[in-house]
Protein backbone atom coordinates (compact mmCIF):
# COMPACT_ATOMS: atom_id res chain seq x y z
CA MET A 1 192.97 7.76 14.87
CA SER A 2 193.39 4.11 14.32
CA GLY A 3 194.26 2.32 10.87
CA ARG A 4 191.89 -0.20 9.52
CA GLY A 5 193.15 -3.52 7.97
CA GLY A 6 194.56 -6.51 8.98
CA ILE A 7 193.06 -8.93 11.40
CA GLU A 8 193.31 -9.37 15.06
CA ARG A 9 195.12 -12.52 15.96
CA GLY A 10 195.29 -13.05 20.13
CA ASP A 11 197.50 -10.33 21.02
CA PRO A 12 198.73 -7.93 18.23
CA PRO A 13 201.47 -5.66 18.69
CA ARG A 14 200.48 -1.94 18.75
CA LEU A 15 201.95 -0.07 15.69
CA VAL A 16 202.08 3.85 15.97
CA LEU A 17 202.67 6.32 13.23
CA ALA A 18 204.91 9.46 14.30
CA SER A 19 203.61 11.52 11.38
CA GLN A 20 200.98 13.31 10.07
CA SER A 21 201.36 12.35 6.69
CA PRO A 22 198.47 10.92 4.84
CA ARG A 23 200.60 9.24 2.11
CA ARG A 24 202.17 7.48 4.64
CA ALA A 25 199.25 6.67 6.43
CA GLN A 26 197.93 5.40 2.90
CA LEU A 27 201.03 3.12 2.81
CA LEU A 28 200.48 1.23 5.92
CA HIS A 29 196.97 0.98 5.24
CA GLN A 30 197.86 -0.94 2.14
CA LEU A 31 199.81 -3.48 3.68
CA GLY A 32 196.53 -4.11 5.79
CA LEU A 33 198.39 -2.51 8.90
CA ARG A 34 196.23 -1.13 11.81
CA PHE A 35 197.73 1.42 13.65
CA ASP A 36 197.77 5.01 15.41
CA VAL A 37 198.29 8.11 14.22
CA LEU A 38 200.66 10.48 16.82
CA PRO A 39 202.50 12.76 14.96
CA ALA A 40 206.10 13.77 16.75
CA ASP A 41 206.89 17.55 17.21
CA ILE A 42 210.92 17.89 17.27
CA ASP A 43 213.12 20.42 16.19
CA GLU A 44 214.05 19.90 12.68
CA SER A 45 216.94 22.15 12.14
CA TYR A 46 219.96 20.70 10.82
CA SER A 47 223.31 20.30 12.93
CA PRO A 48 226.18 22.02 11.43
CA GLY A 49 227.49 20.38 8.51
CA GLU A 50 225.10 17.83 8.50
CA ASP A 51 224.59 15.77 5.37
CA PRO A 52 220.86 15.65 4.19
CA GLY A 53 220.44 12.38 3.96
CA ALA A 54 221.77 11.63 7.51
CA HIS A 55 219.56 14.78 8.53
CA ALA A 56 216.41 12.52 7.35
CA GLU A 57 217.71 9.56 9.17
CA ARG A 58 218.36 10.98 12.07
CA LEU A 59 214.96 12.87 12.19
CA ALA A 60 213.30 9.81 11.47
CA ARG A 61 214.94 8.13 14.59
CA GLU A 62 214.32 11.49 16.87
CA LYS A 63 210.13 11.21 16.23
CA ALA A 64 210.34 7.63 16.98
CA LEU A 65 211.57 8.10 19.86
CA ALA A 66 209.78 10.96 20.74
CA ILE A 67 206.48 8.91 20.69
CA ALA A 68 207.81 5.91 21.89
CA GLY A 69 208.85 7.80 25.17
CA GLU A 70 205.40 8.10 25.88
CA HIS A 71 204.12 4.95 24.50
CA ARG A 72 205.56 1.77 26.29
CA GLY A 73 205.14 -1.44 24.38
CA ALA A 74 204.76 0.29 21.00
CA PHE A 75 206.52 -0.14 17.90
CA VAL A 76 206.82 3.73 16.61
CA ILE A 77 207.27 4.66 13.03
CA GLY A 78 209.16 7.81 12.26
CA CYS A 79 210.07 9.06 8.75
CA ASP A 80 211.71 11.92 7.39
CA THR A 81 212.08 13.12 3.57
CA VAL A 82 214.48 15.45 1.81
CA VAL A 83 214.81 16.37 -2.04
CA VAL A 84 218.11 17.51 -2.79
CA VAL A 85 219.03 18.89 -6.05
CA ASP A 86 222.66 20.76 -6.85
CA GLY A 87 223.31 19.95 -2.93
CA GLU A 88 220.54 22.43 -1.97
CA VAL A 89 217.80 21.01 0.19
CA LEU A 90 214.47 21.60 -1.15
CA GLY A 91 211.98 21.83 1.50
CA LYS A 92 208.19 22.49 1.30
CA PRO A 93 207.08 25.59 -0.48
CA ARG A 94 206.08 28.22 1.38
CA ASP A 95 203.14 29.49 -1.30
CA ALA A 96 202.55 28.99 -4.67
CA THR A 97 205.42 31.27 -6.20
CA ASP A 98 208.30 29.19 -4.31
CA ALA A 99 206.26 25.83 -5.39
CA VAL A 100 206.70 27.11 -9.16
CA ARG A 101 210.60 28.06 -8.13
CA MET A 102 211.48 24.41 -6.77
CA LEU A 103 209.68 23.03 -10.09
CA LEU A 104 211.46 25.24 -12.45
CA ARG A 105 214.83 24.08 -10.63
CA LEU A 106 213.67 20.57 -11.30
CA SER A 107 212.91 20.69 -14.68
CA GLY A 108 214.42 18.18 -17.11
CA ARG A 109 217.13 17.21 -14.73
CA GLU A 110 217.69 14.62 -11.85
CA HIS A 111 217.78 15.25 -8.46
CA THR A 112 217.79 12.95 -5.13
CA VAL A 113 214.96 11.80 -2.55
CA ALA A 114 216.15 10.17 0.50
CA THR A 115 214.00 9.04 2.73
CA GLY A 116 215.12 8.21 6.71
CA VAL A 117 212.86 5.50 8.30
CA ALA A 118 212.89 4.70 11.80
CA VAL A 119 211.44 1.95 14.69
CA ALA A 120 211.45 2.94 18.21
CA TYR A 121 210.31 0.23 20.78
CA ASP A 122 210.12 0.81 24.46
CA GLY A 123 211.36 4.21 24.69
CA ALA A 124 215.19 3.58 23.99
CA ARG A 125 215.35 0.92 21.23
CA VAL A 126 215.36 2.45 18.16
CA LYS A 127 217.12 1.04 14.68
CA SER A 128 216.81 2.94 11.53
CA ALA A 129 217.61 3.10 7.73
CA LEU A 130 217.96 5.24 4.88
CA GLU A 131 216.90 5.20 1.21
CA ARG A 132 218.07 7.34 -1.74
CA VAL A 133 215.96 7.38 -4.56
CA ARG A 134 216.90 9.36 -8.27
CA VAL A 135 214.18 10.82 -9.84
CA TRP A 136 214.46 12.23 -13.26
CA PHE A 137 211.91 15.08 -14.49
CA ARG A 138 210.60 15.69 -17.81
CA PRO A 139 210.71 19.36 -18.67
CA VAL A 140 208.54 21.58 -17.12
CA ASP A 141 207.55 25.17 -18.38
CA GLU A 142 206.30 27.72 -16.16
CA ALA A 143 202.89 28.01 -17.17
CA LEU A 144 202.97 23.94 -16.42
CA ALA A 145 204.21 24.78 -13.15
CA ARG A 146 201.82 27.37 -12.14
CA ALA A 147 199.10 25.08 -13.47
CA TYR A 148 200.17 22.28 -10.83
CA ALA A 149 200.90 25.01 -7.80
CA ALA A 150 197.34 26.22 -8.76
CA THR A 151 196.33 22.47 -7.50
CA GLY A 152 197.36 22.94 -4.05
CA GLU A 153 199.25 19.54 -4.36
CA PRO A 154 203.06 20.76 -3.78
CA LEU A 155 202.14 23.20 -0.87
CA ASP A 156 202.44 20.51 2.02
CA LYS A 157 205.71 18.37 -0.47
CA ALA A 158 209.54 18.36 0.17
CA GLY A 159 210.49 19.90 -3.55
CA ALA A 160 206.73 20.57 -4.46
CA TYR A 161 205.68 17.71 -5.62
CA GLY A 162 203.85 14.50 -4.70
CA ILE A 163 204.88 11.25 -7.08
CA GLN A 164 201.81 9.50 -6.33
CA GLY A 165 199.33 12.66 -7.41
CA TYR A 166 199.19 15.09 -10.36
CA GLY A 167 203.08 15.48 -9.34
CA ALA A 168 203.03 11.87 -11.72
CA ALA A 169 202.99 13.64 -14.67
CA LEU A 170 206.30 15.64 -13.97
CA VAL A 171 208.38 12.59 -13.50
CA GLU A 172 209.86 11.29 -16.38
CA ARG A 173 211.73 7.91 -14.69
CA ILE A 174 213.32 6.97 -11.02
CA GLU A 175 215.85 4.83 -10.07
CA GLY A 176 215.27 2.67 -6.73
CA ASP A 177 212.18 2.43 -4.08
CA TYR A 178 209.09 4.29 -5.22
CA PHE A 179 207.46 4.45 -2.36
CA ALA A 180 210.45 5.85 -0.80
CA VAL A 181 209.81 8.92 -2.99
CA MET A 182 205.88 8.87 -1.42
CA GLY A 183 207.83 9.21 1.72
CA LEU A 184 207.67 5.30 3.29
CA PRO A 185 209.78 2.82 1.88
CA LEU A 186 208.03 -0.20 2.58
CA ALA A 187 210.87 -2.87 2.17
CA ARG A 188 213.07 -1.51 4.46
CA LEU A 189 210.09 -0.66 7.19
CA LEU A 190 209.09 -4.28 7.02
CA SER A 191 213.17 -5.37 7.94
CA LEU A 192 213.25 -2.86 10.36
CA LEU A 193 209.73 -4.51 12.32
CA GLU A 194 211.24 -8.21 11.51
CA SER A 195 214.54 -7.18 13.33
CA PHE A 196 212.27 -6.62 16.52
CA GLY A 197 211.07 -9.96 16.05
CA LEU A 198 207.82 -9.09 14.03
CA SER A 199 206.82 -10.76 11.52
CA TYR A 200 204.15 -9.71 8.62
CA ASP A 201 201.71 -12.33 6.82
CA PHE A 202 199.53 -9.80 4.61
CA LYS A 203 196.53 -10.06 7.72
CA GLY A 204 198.82 -7.92 9.37
CA LEU A 205 201.80 -8.11 12.49
CA ALA A 206 202.35 -10.66 15.19
CA GLN A 207 205.33 -11.21 17.59
């Protein structure tokens, strides 16, 4: 799959998204970037005592490197997002019942979303960053949580909600990068690409 948008100018750099997330692809499309989607398959287990944020950044690096090793000359974007409340990491819910449990856990309080983003090039070079965002939920009762779970939206999302969809109705406010909550901090990403000598000018990327 190739991203549409952007204007080819000579020999543009090849960009690869090492994720099957439609939300991350949507954000790259929004910038007018052309890209391929090649999801990385890696072990996402935690290392002993690993901080959730450090875990997200490490996985972003490993995902990017896994694909970059197979596609020399491409700039590969890796990402990983975790939702943390009271030190507990909320991953993707197992089912609707688990989604309701998570939503009630987040109800009326603050939690943290940490998104790691990395860019790898030529199989070994990699640079990464971590974006942390504070998110406050409105009070959510069981009926509302069940209604949201019934939409199916929470089932493939860390923390059981998507801020860009129906889940926007559950969020009271955020402090930090909205796009990081969606799963791809765009300002961080562009800074990483620029550190590899690429430039962005609303028509795409150039070397």
